[in-house]
Structure formats: C-alpha cells, structure tokens
Amino acid sequence: MHSPTAECITTKIKYVLSGRGVAMARVVGLGSDGANVMVGRKAGVAQKTRLNDCPYLVNIHCGAHRTALAARDFSKAVREISAYVTTINNIYTYYKNSPIRTHRLNELQNDMEEHDLLSLKQPSATRWLSLERAVKGIRANWVAMVLQEEEADKNCLVAMGVRKRLQTLMFPALTHLLTDVLTVVNRMNLTFQKEDVNISSIQPVVNMTIASLEDLMNGPGEAETTFNEALQDGKFCGITLTQADAQTFSRVRTDYIAEVTKSIKKRFSSEHVGIIADLDTVINASRYPGADCVLKRYGLEALERLCDP
C-alpha cells in the first residue's frame, strides 16, 4: 500500500475544510506528525499550501511526536543502551513463549511478597516511550528472574545466558538509571498528549525537562539512589553482581543523559519553540493588555516573525 502524496493530502484538506465552510485563505496554521510528506521544505504539504493558498501558513510539528522521535534517537545513540533494549526484548520473548516460566515467576514474586508486582512488557518498535513501562517491569521482576534462572540454568543454556545478562552490574544499574530518565521524558510526552494542552505550556515544559536532565547529570535520581544505597560489597538485594565495572557504567551514564538532552534540544530547537511562543503571544487573548494604547503595539514583533516566509 502506497503512502499518500502531498498533493493527495492537500486535496483532502481542502475538501474537508470546504465542507465546513472554511476557505483556504483563512487557514493560518497546520499541525502534523512531522513526516517528510507533511513538512518537506520543497514538496511537503505545508510548503505546497503556502505556495498555492496560504503564504503566511505556520507549520507546527506535534509536540508528542517530537518527543517520541527524540526517544528513538537517544535509545539508539549509546551502544550499551541499544544492547540493553535488545536484552529486555529477548527476556520478554523468553518468558512470553513459556507459560511455565511466567507462572513460576509470578509464584516467586508472591512468595517474596513483592507489593509492586508488574508484568513484563515489550518495548514497541514504533512507540519508543513504551520503554519506560518495559524498564519498570524489569525492575519489579529482577530479583525473581535471577533466582528463577539460577534454579533452571543447570539444565538450560538459555536460562544460563539470561541469568548472566541479568546479573551483571550494568544491567540493574541501567534499569534504575533509565527509570529516572524515562520518567522525566515521559512526563513531558504525557503533557503534550493532553486534549486541552495550551501552547503556552510547551516552552516551559521543555525547559523544565532539560533542567531535570541536567540535575540527573549532576547526581543520581530517586531510582538510581535506591540502587546505590542497596548495593553493598558487590551485592544487590543479596545477589552477587558480576562484571562490576563501575567506571564503565559511569561513562555510559554520562553519555546517555547527554544524548537524551541533545536529542530533546534538537527536536525542540529554540527556533521552533520560539514560533510556538510567538503564536501564543498573538492568539492568546488572555495575554492581551487592557489599555488600547498598549494593545495597538502589543505582539507586533511576534506577528512579524510569524509572517516572515
């Protein structure tokens, strides 16, 4: 099945708007998922609409979709993080394909009286922020998985391989680091997915997210602090960790948070966020000054930037 062309999408937009009595000449903004067919500089829907009907059209790339793309970027940028995602995909498949293993895992969790029992989740190939749910599932099940595979690995090479990956220092350390980082990023994503999101909130939310990431760069978050406090003499939750190379984790930690921050800054560049801020200045009546003499001059610079093709 072929993807729709820019011409086809533009025709459909005109058809829908005309059916609602809206002339194309009155259209001032276009929001999209950022696909090339929509935002391409030469032949995208936004550019064609500007050339043919709306010379001052403002194109806005969906905030939630920008966040998802940033999550895709930083999940692949650091080799160890990419390997971690592959591992939790393999672990999910390992358990999903065996009701016996899954049942035994649940029994172990119940025997341990874990109150935060979560099922294992698989990171989606297209919904990159689903990684947060997968990481939290791994964190909740880690001890039970290690104990279960210790029982099984005498007779099963696959179980031995799973346990070895789970029991390295890097694996639980990354699990707790990702819990902190993805919580911050997903908070921004959920804000942008609200039906009643106000465009005036986008810039502050982006700034707050970047500030939170900078805090994580300077020191561990809540989940990582819990891990560090529980790590005693090379053991975590009473389980001896192997390949306990703290320096390697420290390097991966720094690289990962830096990549997350860079990806968000790239997807929410000051230029694009500035356009949204200018729109808020021009169309948000709650910001208008009360005095007529001031209102005449209010927002002129923002309006000129928006009208600059």
C-alpha atoms as a PDB file:
ATOM      1  CA  MET A   1       0.000   0.000   0.000  1.00  0.00           C
ATOM      2  CA  HIS A   2       1.458   3.343  -1.095  1.00  0.00           C
ATOM      3  CA  SER A   3       1.649   6.307   1.267  1.00  0.00           C
ATOM      4  CA  PRO A   4      -0.482   9.297   0.249  1.00  0.00           C
ATOM      5  CA  THR A   5       1.301  12.026  -1.689  1.00  0.00           C
ATOM      6  CA  ALA A   6       1.442  15.665  -0.664  1.00  0.00           C
ATOM      7  CA  GLU A   7      -0.967  16.520  -3.487  1.00  0.00           C
ATOM      8  CA  CYS A   8      -3.467  13.910  -2.265  1.00  0.00           C
ATOM      9  CA  ILE A   9      -3.288  15.149   1.350  1.00  0.00           C
ATOM     10  CA  THR A  10      -3.627  18.788   0.279  1.00  0.00           C
ATOM     11  CA  THR A  11      -6.711  17.927  -1.797  1.00  0.00           C
ATOM     12  CA  LYS A  12      -8.279  16.134   1.163  1.00  0.00           C
ATOM     13  CA  ILE A  13      -7.580  19.093   3.468  1.00  0.00           C
ATOM     14  CA  LYS A  14      -9.297  21.461   1.023  1.00  0.00           C
ATOM     15  CA  TYR A  15     -12.244  19.082   0.701  1.00  0.00           C
ATOM     16  CA  VAL A  16     -12.742  18.763   4.468  1.00  0.00           C
ATOM     17  CA  LEU A  17     -12.392  22.494   5.097  1.00  0.00           C
ATOM     18  CA  SER A  18     -14.750  23.439   2.260  1.00  0.00           C
ATOM     19  CA  GLY A  19     -17.317  21.025   3.677  1.00  0.00           C
ATOM     20  CA  ARG A  20     -17.159  23.002   6.918  1.00  0.00           C
ATOM     21  CA  GLY A  21     -17.371  26.357   5.188  1.00  0.00           C
ATOM     22  CA  VAL A  22     -13.741  27.317   5.805  1.00  0.00           C
ATOM     23  CA  ALA A  23     -11.873  28.985   2.938  1.00  0.00           C
ATOM     24  CA  MET A  24      -8.226  28.004   2.495  1.00  0.00           C
ATOM     25  CA  ALA A  25      -7.270  31.681   2.526  1.00  0.00           C
ATOM     26  CA  ARG A  26      -8.320  31.774   6.205  1.00  0.00           C
ATOM     27  CA  VAL A  27      -6.030  28.943   7.262  1.00  0.00           C
ATOM     28  CA  VAL A  28      -3.095  30.208   9.335  1.00  0.00           C
ATOM     29  CA  GLY A  29      -1.680  27.048  10.910  1.00  0.00           C
ATOM     30  CA  LEU A  30      -1.004  23.396  10.136  1.00  0.00           C
ATOM     31  CA  GLY A  31      -0.165  20.802  12.768  1.00  0.00           C
ATOM     32  CA  SER A  32       1.286  17.449  11.707  1.00  0.00           C
ATOM     33  CA  ASP A  33       3.335  14.444  12.811  1.00  0.00           C
ATOM     34  CA  GLY A  34       6.456  15.813  11.119  1.00  0.00           C
ATOM     35  CA  ALA A  35       6.602  13.231   8.327  1.00  0.00           C
ATOM     36  CA  ASN A  36       8.538  14.398   5.273  1.00  0.00           C
ATOM     37  CA  VAL A  37       5.378  14.370   3.150  1.00  0.00           C
ATOM     38  CA  MET A  38       3.946  16.965   5.550  1.00  0.00           C
ATOM     39  CA  VAL A  39       6.919  19.205   6.344  1.00  0.00           C
ATOM     40  CA  GLY A  40       9.325  18.697   3.406  1.00  0.00           C
ATOM     41  CA  ARG A  41      10.904  22.033   2.512  1.00  0.00           C
ATOM     42  CA  LYS A  42      10.312  21.696  -1.226  1.00  0.00           C
ATOM     43  CA  ALA A  43       7.326  19.419  -1.764  1.00  0.00           C
ATOM     44  CA  GLY A  44       5.685  18.936   1.632  1.00  0.00           C
ATOM     45  CA  VAL A  45       2.028  19.671   2.302  1.00  0.00           C
ATOM     46  CA  ALA A  46       2.888  22.783   4.324  1.00  0.00           C
ATOM     47  CA  GLN A  47       5.117  24.209   1.594  1.00  0.00           C
ATOM     48  CA  LYS A  48       2.604  23.474  -1.189  1.00  0.00           C
ATOM     49  CA  THR A  49      -0.162  25.093   0.848  1.00  0.00           C
ATOM     50  CA  ARG A  50       1.983  28.192   1.379  1.00  0.00           C
ATOM     51  CA  LEU A  51       2.783  28.500  -2.316  1.00  0.00           C
ATOM     52  CA  ASN A  52      -0.749  27.917  -3.590  1.00  0.00           C
ATOM     53  CA  ASP A  53      -3.162  29.200  -0.957  1.00  0.00           C
ATOM     54  CA  CYS A  54      -1.735  30.454   2.351  1.00  0.00           C
ATOM     55  CA  PRO A  55       1.567  32.353   2.045  1.00  0.00           C
ATOM     56  CA  TYR A  56       1.727  33.000   5.796  1.00  0.00           C
ATOM     57  CA  LEU A  57       0.875  29.479   6.950  1.00  0.00           C
ATOM     58  CA  VAL A  58       2.640  28.448  10.184  1.00  0.00           C
ATOM     59  CA  ASN A  59       3.619  24.784  10.288  1.00  0.00           C
ATOM     60  CA  ILE A  60       3.836  23.087  13.711  1.00  0.00           C
ATOM     61  CA  HIS A  61       5.306  19.641  14.325  1.00  0.00           C
ATOM     62  CA  CYS A  62       3.291  17.781  17.007  1.00  0.00           C
ATOM     63  CA  GLY A  63       4.996  18.026  20.412  1.00  0.00           C
ATOM     64  CA  ALA A  64       4.204  14.440  21.440  1.00  0.00           C
ATOM     65  CA  HIS A  65       5.584  13.128  18.145  1.00  0.00           C
ATOM     66  CA  ARG A  66       8.741  15.214  18.543  1.00  0.00           C
ATOM     67  CA  THR A  67       9.226  13.616  21.970  1.00  0.00           C
ATOM     68  CA  ALA A  68       8.788  10.127  20.525  1.00  0.00           C
ATOM     69  CA  LEU A  69      11.369  10.864  17.824  1.00  0.00           C
ATOM     70  CA  ALA A  70      13.789  12.193  20.430  1.00  0.00           C
ATOM     71  CA  ALA A  71      13.266   8.975  22.427  1.00  0.00           C
ATOM     72  CA  ARG A  72      14.055   6.941  19.307  1.00  0.00           C
ATOM     73  CA  ASP A  73      17.224   8.940  18.729  1.00  0.00           C
ATOM     74  CA  PHE A  74      18.663   8.633  22.218  1.00  0.00           C
ATOM     75  CA  SER A  75      17.698   4.971  22.587  1.00  0.00           C
ATOM     76  CA  LYS A  76      19.970   4.142  19.637  1.00  0.00           C
ATOM     77  CA  ALA A  77      22.762   6.652  20.214  1.00  0.00           C
ATOM     78  CA  VAL A  78      24.632   4.810  23.009  1.00  0.00           C
ATOM     79  CA  ARG A  79      25.739   1.263  22.201  1.00  0.00           C
ATOM     80  CA  GLU A  80      25.187  -0.086  25.718  1.00  0.00           C
ATOM     81  CA  ILE A  81      21.649   1.327  25.855  1.00  0.00           C
ATOM     82  CA  SER A  82      20.825  -0.208  22.489  1.00  0.00           C
ATOM     83  CA  ALA A  83      22.180  -3.555  23.746  1.00  0.00           C
ATOM     84  CA  TYR A  84      20.107  -3.188  26.928  1.00  0.00           C
ATOM     85  CA  VAL A  85      16.915  -2.682  24.895  1.00  0.00           C
ATOM     86  CA  THR A  86      17.752  -5.779  22.839  1.00  0.00           C
ATOM     87  CA  THR A  87      18.244  -7.756  26.046  1.00  0.00           C
ATOM     88  CA  ILE A  88      14.899  -6.819  27.569  1.00  0.00           C
ATOM     89  CA  ASN A  89      13.214  -7.674  24.263  1.00  0.00           C
ATOM     90  CA  ASN A  90      14.852 -11.094  24.422  1.00  0.00           C
ATOM     91  CA  ILE A  91      13.876 -11.558  28.070  1.00  0.00           C
ATOM     92  CA  TYR A  92      10.269 -10.625  27.288  1.00  0.00           C
ATOM     93  CA  THR A  93      10.187 -13.209  24.466  1.00  0.00           C
ATOM     94  CA  TYR A  94      11.878 -15.814  26.675  1.00  0.00           C
ATOM     95  CA  TYR A  95       9.089 -15.587  29.247  1.00  0.00           C
ATOM     96  CA  LYS A  96       6.203 -14.926  26.880  1.00  0.00           C
ATOM     97  CA  ASN A  97       6.952 -18.120  24.962  1.00  0.00           C
ATOM     98  CA  SER A  98       6.761 -20.225  28.126  1.00  0.00           C
ATOM     99  CA  PRO A  99       3.630 -20.113  30.325  1.00  0.00           C
ATOM    100  CA  ILE A 100       5.505 -22.345  32.799  1.00  0.00           C
ATOM    101  CA  ARG A 101       8.316 -19.812  33.242  1.00  0.00           C
ATOM    102  CA  THR A 102       5.826 -16.951  33.543  1.00  0.00           C
ATOM    103  CA  HIS A 103       3.752 -18.834  36.130  1.00  0.00           C
ATOM    104  CA  ARG A 104       6.867 -19.688  38.147  1.00  0.00           C
ATOM    105  CA  LEU A 105       7.989 -16.060  38.011  1.00  0.00           C
ATOM    106  CA  ASN A 106       4.647 -14.927  39.416  1.00  0.00           C
ATOM    107  CA  GLU A 107       4.855 -17.559  42.148  1.00  0.00           C
ATOM    108  CA  LEU A 108       8.306 -16.339  43.174  1.00  0.00           C
ATOM    109  CA  GLN A 109       7.103 -12.746  43.306  1.00  0.00           C
ATOM    110  CA  ASN A 110       4.180 -13.773  45.501  1.00  0.00           C
ATOM    111  CA  ASP A 111       6.465 -15.824  47.763  1.00  0.00           C
ATOM    112  CA  MET A 112       8.717 -12.779  48.143  1.00  0.00           C
ATOM    113  CA  GLU A 113       5.627 -10.666  48.980  1.00  0.00           C
ATOM    114  CA  GLU A 114       6.523  -8.057  46.400  1.00  0.00           C
ATOM    115  CA  HIS A 115       3.849  -5.382  46.531  1.00  0.00           C
ATOM    116  CA  ASP A 116       4.853  -3.679  43.273  1.00  0.00           C
ATOM    117  CA  LEU A 117       4.409  -6.744  41.070  1.00  0.00           C
ATOM    118  CA  LEU A 118       4.365  -5.687  37.426  1.00  0.00           C
ATOM    119  CA  SER A 119       4.105  -7.853  34.348  1.00  0.00           C
ATOM    120  CA  LEU A 120       6.937  -7.823  31.846  1.00  0.00           C
ATOM    121  CA  LYS A 121       6.372  -5.504  28.889  1.00  0.00           C
ATOM    122  CA  GLN A 122       7.934  -5.396  25.454  1.00  0.00           C
ATOM    123  CA  PRO A 123       9.300  -2.091  24.144  1.00  0.00           C
ATOM    124  CA  SER A 124       7.433  -1.132  20.997  1.00  0.00           C
ATOM    125  CA  ALA A 125       9.418  -0.612  17.810  1.00  0.00           C
ATOM    126  CA  THR A 126       7.320   2.459  16.971  1.00  0.00           C
ATOM    127  CA  ARG A 127       6.281   3.771  20.392  1.00  0.00           C
ATOM    128  CA  TRP A 128       9.697   4.428  21.842  1.00  0.00           C
ATOM    129  CA  LEU A 129       8.471   5.809  25.154  1.00  0.00           C
ATOM    130  CA  SER A 130       6.884   2.407  25.871  1.00  0.00           C
ATOM    131  CA  LEU A 131      10.419   1.590  27.003  1.00  0.00           C
ATOM    132  CA  GLU A 132       9.564   3.152  30.378  1.00  0.00           C
ATOM    133  CA  ARG A 133       6.906   0.500  31.089  1.00  0.00           C
ATOM    134  CA  ALA A 134       9.271  -2.255  29.982  1.00  0.00           C
ATOM    135  CA  VAL A 135      12.054  -0.969  32.241  1.00  0.00           C
ATOM    136  CA  LYS A 136       9.730  -0.729  35.232  1.00  0.00           C
ATOM    137  CA  GLY A 137       8.575  -4.294  34.610  1.00  0.00           C
ATOM    138  CA  ILE A 138      12.201  -5.468  34.552  1.00  0.00           C
ATOM    139  CA  ARG A 139      12.961  -3.554  37.744  1.00  0.00           C
ATOM    140  CA  ALA A 140       9.994  -5.093  39.577  1.00  0.00           C
ATOM    141  CA  ASN A 141      10.839  -8.629  38.433  1.00  0.00           C
ATOM    142  CA  TRP A 142      14.652  -8.573  38.508  1.00  0.00           C
ATOM    143  CA  VAL A 143      15.253 -10.455  41.766  1.00  0.00           C
ATOM    144  CA  ALA A 144      12.661 -13.133  40.990  1.00  0.00           C
ATOM    145  CA  MET A 145      14.051 -13.612  37.465  1.00  0.00           C
ATOM    146  CA  VAL A 146      17.608 -14.080  38.736  1.00  0.00           C
ATOM    147  CA  LEU A 147      16.505 -16.573  41.405  1.00  0.00           C
ATOM    148  CA  GLN A 148      14.325 -18.474  38.939  1.00  0.00           C
ATOM    149  CA  GLU A 149      17.070 -18.756  36.347  1.00  0.00           C
ATOM    150  CA  GLU A 150      19.585 -19.828  38.979  1.00  0.00           C
ATOM    151  CA  GLU A 151      17.309 -22.823  39.595  1.00  0.00           C
ATOM    152  CA  ALA A 152      16.897 -23.547  35.878  1.00  0.00           C
ATOM    153  CA  ASP A 153      20.328 -22.892  34.387  1.00  0.00           C
ATOM    154  CA  LYS A 154      21.812 -26.230  35.417  1.00  0.00           C
ATOM    155  CA  ASN A 155      19.868 -27.879  32.632  1.00  0.00           C
ATOM    156  CA  CYS A 156      19.218 -24.983  30.263  1.00  0.00           C
ATOM    157  CA  LEU A 157      21.791 -22.977  28.346  1.00  0.00           C
ATOM    158  CA  VAL A 158      19.217 -20.287  27.523  1.00  0.00           C
ATOM    159  CA  ALA A 159      18.393 -19.843  31.219  1.00  0.00           C
ATOM    160  CA  MET A 160      22.104 -19.595  31.980  1.00  0.00           C
ATOM    161  CA  GLY A 161      22.516 -16.884  29.345  1.00  0.00           C
ATOM    162  CA  VAL A 162      19.540 -14.892  30.660  1.00  0.00           C
ATOM    163  CA  ARG A 163      20.831 -15.066  34.232  1.00  0.00           C
ATOM    164  CA  LYS A 164      24.331 -13.972  33.216  1.00  0.00           C
ATOM    165  CA  ARG A 165      22.953 -10.898  31.480  1.00  0.00           C
ATOM    166  CA  LEU A 166      20.645 -10.058  34.380  1.00  0.00           C
ATOM    167  CA  GLN A 167      23.369 -10.458  36.987  1.00  0.00           C
ATOM    168  CA  THR A 168      25.974  -8.077  35.565  1.00  0.00           C
ATOM    169  CA  LEU A 169      26.330  -4.770  37.396  1.00  0.00           C
ATOM    170  CA  MET A 170      25.499  -2.889  34.210  1.00  0.00           C
ATOM    171  CA  PHE A 171      22.035  -4.417  33.811  1.00  0.00           C
ATOM    172  CA  PRO A 172      20.345  -3.418  37.117  1.00  0.00           C
ATOM    173  CA  ALA A 173      22.324  -0.158  37.170  1.00  0.00           C
ATOM    174  CA  LEU A 174      20.968   0.796  33.732  1.00  0.00           C
ATOM    175  CA  THR A 175      17.493  -0.352  34.753  1.00  0.00           C
ATOM    176  CA  HIS A 176      17.427   2.152  37.614  1.00  0.00           C
ATOM    177  CA  LEU A 177      19.061   4.925  35.570  1.00  0.00           C
ATOM    178  CA  LEU A 178      16.529   4.504  32.759  1.00  0.00           C
ATOM    179  CA  THR A 179      13.694   4.525  35.278  1.00  0.00           C
ATOM    180  CA  ASP A 180      14.732   8.043  36.316  1.00  0.00           C
ATOM    181  CA  VAL A 181      15.477   9.381  32.826  1.00  0.00           C
ATOM    182  CA  LEU A 182      12.411   7.969  31.075  1.00  0.00           C
ATOM    183  CA  THR A 183      10.125   9.177  33.870  1.00  0.00           C
ATOM    184  CA  VAL A 184      11.308  12.725  33.150  1.00  0.00           C
ATOM    185  CA  VAL A 185      10.891  12.418  29.373  1.00  0.00           C
ATOM    186  CA  ASN A 186       7.543  10.639  29.558  1.00  0.00           C
ATOM    187  CA  ARG A 187       6.192  13.342  31.855  1.00  0.00           C
ATOM    188  CA  MET A 188       6.781  15.811  29.019  1.00  0.00           C
ATOM    189  CA  ASN A 189       5.262  13.426  26.492  1.00  0.00           C
ATOM    190  CA  LEU A 190       2.074  12.947  28.530  1.00  0.00           C
ATOM    191  CA  THR A 191       1.723  16.714  28.924  1.00  0.00           C
ATOM    192  CA  PHE A 192       1.797  17.142  25.146  1.00  0.00           C
ATOM    193  CA  GLN A 193      -0.743  14.350  24.633  1.00  0.00           C
ATOM    194  CA  LYS A 194      -3.466  16.085  26.642  1.00  0.00           C
ATOM    195  CA  GLU A 195      -6.510  17.075  24.619  1.00  0.00           C
ATOM    196  CA  ASP A 196      -6.556  20.538  26.161  1.00  0.00           C
ATOM    197  CA  VAL A 197      -2.820  21.277  26.105  1.00  0.00           C
ATOM    198  CA  ASN A 198      -2.118  25.003  25.941  1.00  0.00           C
ATOM    199  CA  ILE A 199       0.603  26.027  23.513  1.00  0.00           C
ATOM    200  CA  SER A 200       1.887  28.449  26.142  1.00  0.00           C
ATOM    201  CA  SER A 201       2.956  25.454  28.238  1.00  0.00           C
ATOM    202  CA  ILE A 202       5.244  23.907  25.608  1.00  0.00           C
ATOM    203  CA  GLN A 203       8.303  26.084  26.140  1.00  0.00           C
ATOM    204  CA  PRO A 204       8.160  25.899  29.972  1.00  0.00           C
ATOM    205  CA  VAL A 205       7.692  22.108  29.866  1.00  0.00           C
ATOM    206  CA  VAL A 206      10.654  21.663  27.517  1.00  0.00           C
ATOM    207  CA  ASN A 207      12.798  23.914  29.704  1.00  0.00           C
ATOM    208  CA  MET A 208      11.736  22.026  32.839  1.00  0.00           C
ATOM    209  CA  THR A 209      12.586  18.684  31.201  1.00  0.00           C
ATOM    210  CA  ILE A 210      16.047  19.867  30.187  1.00  0.00           C
ATOM    211  CA  ALA A 211      16.625  21.241  33.705  1.00  0.00           C
ATOM    212  CA  SER A 212      15.589  17.883  35.220  1.00  0.00           C
ATOM    213  CA  LEU A 213      18.022  16.058  32.912  1.00  0.00           C
ATOM    214  CA  GLU A 214      20.800  18.436  33.942  1.00  0.00           C
ATOM    215  CA  ASP A 215      20.004  17.602  37.575  1.00  0.00           C
ATOM    216  CA  LEU A 216      20.346  13.891  36.734  1.00  0.00           C
ATOM    217  CA  MET A 217      23.682  14.590  35.057  1.00  0.00           C
ATOM    218  CA  ASN A 218      24.890  16.182  38.278  1.00  0.00           C
ATOM    219  CA  GLY A 219      23.646  13.407  40.550  1.00  0.00           C
ATOM    220  CA  PRO A 220      21.529  10.244  40.738  1.00  0.00           C
ATOM    221  CA  GLY A 221      17.751  10.370  40.649  1.00  0.00           C
ATOM    222  CA  GLU A 222      15.363   8.602  43.005  1.00  0.00           C
ATOM    223  CA  ALA A 223      15.581   5.114  41.467  1.00  0.00           C
ATOM    224  CA  GLU A 224      19.348   5.223  40.971  1.00  0.00           C
ATOM    225  CA  THR A 225      19.821   6.421  44.551  1.00  0.00           C
ATOM    226  CA  THR A 226      17.794   3.428  45.741  1.00  0.00           C
ATOM    227  CA  PHE A 227      20.087   1.148  43.731  1.00  0.00           C
ATOM    228  CA  ASN A 228      23.267   2.767  45.045  1.00  0.00           C
ATOM    229  CA  GLU A 229      22.098   2.519  48.649  1.00  0.00           C
ATOM    230  CA  ALA A 230      21.165  -1.150  48.238  1.00  0.00           C
ATOM    231  CA  LEU A 231      24.457  -2.043  46.526  1.00  0.00           C
ATOM    232  CA  GLN A 232      26.725  -3.400  49.245  1.00  0.00           C
ATOM    233  CA  ASP A 233      30.040  -5.237  48.723  1.00  0.00           C
ATOM    234  CA  GLY A 234      29.197  -6.043  45.117  1.00  0.00           C
ATOM    235  CA  LYS A 235      25.771  -7.392  46.016  1.00  0.00           C
ATOM    236  CA  PHE A 236      22.350  -6.003  45.168  1.00  0.00           C
ATOM    237  CA  CYS A 237      19.348  -7.380  47.050  1.00  0.00           C
ATOM    238  CA  GLY A 238      21.671 -10.104  48.346  1.00  0.00           C
ATOM    239  CA  ILE A 239      22.654 -11.218  44.822  1.00  0.00           C
ATOM    240  CA  THR A 240      26.304 -11.011  43.764  1.00  0.00           C
ATOM    241  CA  LEU A 241      26.798  -8.929  40.632  1.00  0.00           C
ATOM    242  CA  THR A 242      29.381  -9.848  38.025  1.00  0.00           C
ATOM    243  CA  GLN A 243      31.476  -7.632  35.746  1.00  0.00           C
ATOM    244  CA  ALA A 244      31.245  -4.947  38.408  1.00  0.00           C
ATOM    245  CA  ASP A 245      32.916  -2.203  36.380  1.00  0.00           C
ATOM    246  CA  ALA A 246      31.608   0.983  37.968  1.00  0.00           C
ATOM    247  CA  GLN A 247      33.750   3.197  35.723  1.00  0.00           C
ATOM    248  CA  THR A 248      32.155   1.807  32.566  1.00  0.00           C
ATOM    249  CA  PHE A 249      28.684   2.416  33.966  1.00  0.00           C
ATOM    250  CA  SER A 250      29.663   5.971  34.930  1.00  0.00           C
ATOM    251  CA  ARG A 251      30.802   6.617  31.358  1.00  0.00           C
ATOM    252  CA  VAL A 252      27.613   5.103  29.860  1.00  0.00           C
ATOM    253  CA  ARG A 253      25.516   7.093  32.325  1.00  0.00           C
ATOM    254  CA  THR A 254      27.124  10.390  31.277  1.00  0.00           C
ATOM    255  CA  ASP A 255      26.914   9.570  27.559  1.00  0.00           C
ATOM    256  CA  TYR A 256      23.261   8.544  27.791  1.00  0.00           C
ATOM    257  CA  ILE A 257      21.989  11.575  29.695  1.00  0.00           C
ATOM    258  CA  ALA A 258      23.973  13.820  27.342  1.00  0.00           C
ATOM    259  CA  GLU A 259      22.371  12.127  24.313  1.00  0.00           C
ATOM    260  CA  VAL A 260      18.879  12.449  25.797  1.00  0.00           C
ATOM    261  CA  THR A 261      19.422  16.153  26.437  1.00  0.00           C
ATOM    262  CA  LYS A 262      20.885  16.707  22.964  1.00  0.00           C
ATOM    263  CA  SER A 263      18.012  14.866  21.272  1.00  0.00           C
ATOM    264  CA  ILE A 264      15.367  16.915  23.057  1.00  0.00           C
ATOM    265  CA  LYS A 265      17.155  20.178  22.274  1.00  0.00           C
ATOM    266  CA  LYS A 266      17.402  19.097  18.627  1.00  0.00           C
ATOM    267  CA  ARG A 267      13.725  18.136  18.339  1.00  0.00           C
ATOM    268  CA  PHE A 268      12.612  21.237  20.267  1.00  0.00           C
ATOM    269  CA  SER A 269      15.045  23.773  18.852  1.00  0.00           C
ATOM    270  CA  SER A 270      14.800  27.364  20.044  1.00  0.00           C
ATOM    271  CA  GLU A 271      13.655  28.343  16.530  1.00  0.00           C
ATOM    272  CA  HIS A 272      10.651  26.000  16.545  1.00  0.00           C
ATOM    273  CA  VAL A 273       9.743  26.569  20.176  1.00  0.00           C
ATOM    274  CA  GLY A 274      10.029  30.298  19.508  1.00  0.00           C
ATOM    275  CA  ILE A 275       7.386  30.031  16.767  1.00  0.00           C
ATOM    276  CA  ILE A 276       5.022  28.416  19.249  1.00  0.00           C
ATOM    277  CA  ALA A 277       5.752  31.146  21.791  1.00  0.00           C
ATOM    278  CA  ASP A 278       5.047  33.807  19.161  1.00  0.00           C
ATOM    279  CA  LEU A 279       1.746  32.126  18.301  1.00  0.00           C
ATOM    280  CA  ASP A 280       0.787  32.216  21.962  1.00  0.00           C
ATOM    281  CA  THR A 281       1.627  35.915  22.095  1.00  0.00           C
ATOM    282  CA  VAL A 282      -0.512  36.713  19.050  1.00  0.00           C
ATOM    283  CA  ILE A 283      -3.587  34.498  19.517  1.00  0.00           C
ATOM    284  CA  ASN A 284      -3.859  34.038  23.279  1.00  0.00           C
ATOM    285  CA  ALA A 285      -6.364  36.745  24.241  1.00  0.00           C
ATOM    286  CA  SER A 286      -5.738  36.189  27.952  1.00  0.00           C
ATOM    287  CA  ARG A 287      -2.307  37.763  27.463  1.00  0.00           C
ATOM    288  CA  TYR A 288      -3.556  40.911  25.785  1.00  0.00           C
ATOM    289  CA  PRO A 289      -3.019  44.168  27.749  1.00  0.00           C
ATOM    290  CA  GLY A 290      -6.144  46.020  28.817  1.00  0.00           C
ATOM    291  CA  ALA A 291      -5.187  49.521  27.669  1.00  0.00           C
ATOM    292  CA  ASP A 292      -5.990  50.222  23.997  1.00  0.00           C
ATOM    293  CA  CYS A 293      -2.884  52.342  23.510  1.00  0.00           C
ATOM    294  CA  VAL A 294      -0.697  49.431  24.631  1.00  0.00           C
ATOM    295  CA  LEU A 295      -2.720  46.828  22.700  1.00  0.00           C
ATOM    296  CA  LYS A 296      -2.015  48.609  19.417  1.00  0.00           C
ATOM    297  CA  ARG A 297       1.703  47.916  19.833  1.00  0.00           C
ATOM    298  CA  TYR A 298       1.388  44.561  21.594  1.00  0.00           C
ATOM    299  CA  GLY A 299       2.861  41.499  19.869  1.00  0.00           C
ATOM    300  CA  LEU A 300       3.964  43.292  16.683  1.00  0.00           C
ATOM    301  CA  GLU A 301       7.442  41.735  16.691  1.00  0.00           C
ATOM    302  CA  ALA A 302       5.983  38.248  17.247  1.00  0.00           C
ATOM    303  CA  LEU A 303       3.488  38.816  14.429  1.00  0.00           C
ATOM    304  CA  GLU A 304       6.239  39.958  12.053  1.00  0.00           C
ATOM    305  CA  ARG A 305       8.274  36.822  12.794  1.00  0.00           C
ATOM    306  CA  LEU A 306       5.236  34.608  12.136  1.00  0.00           C
ATOM    307  CA  CYS A 307       4.510  36.389   8.848  1.00  0.00           C
ATOM    308  CA  ASP A 308       8.100  36.115   7.629  1.00  0.00           C
ATOM    309  CA  PRO A 309       8.016  33.396   4.944  1.00  0.00           C
END
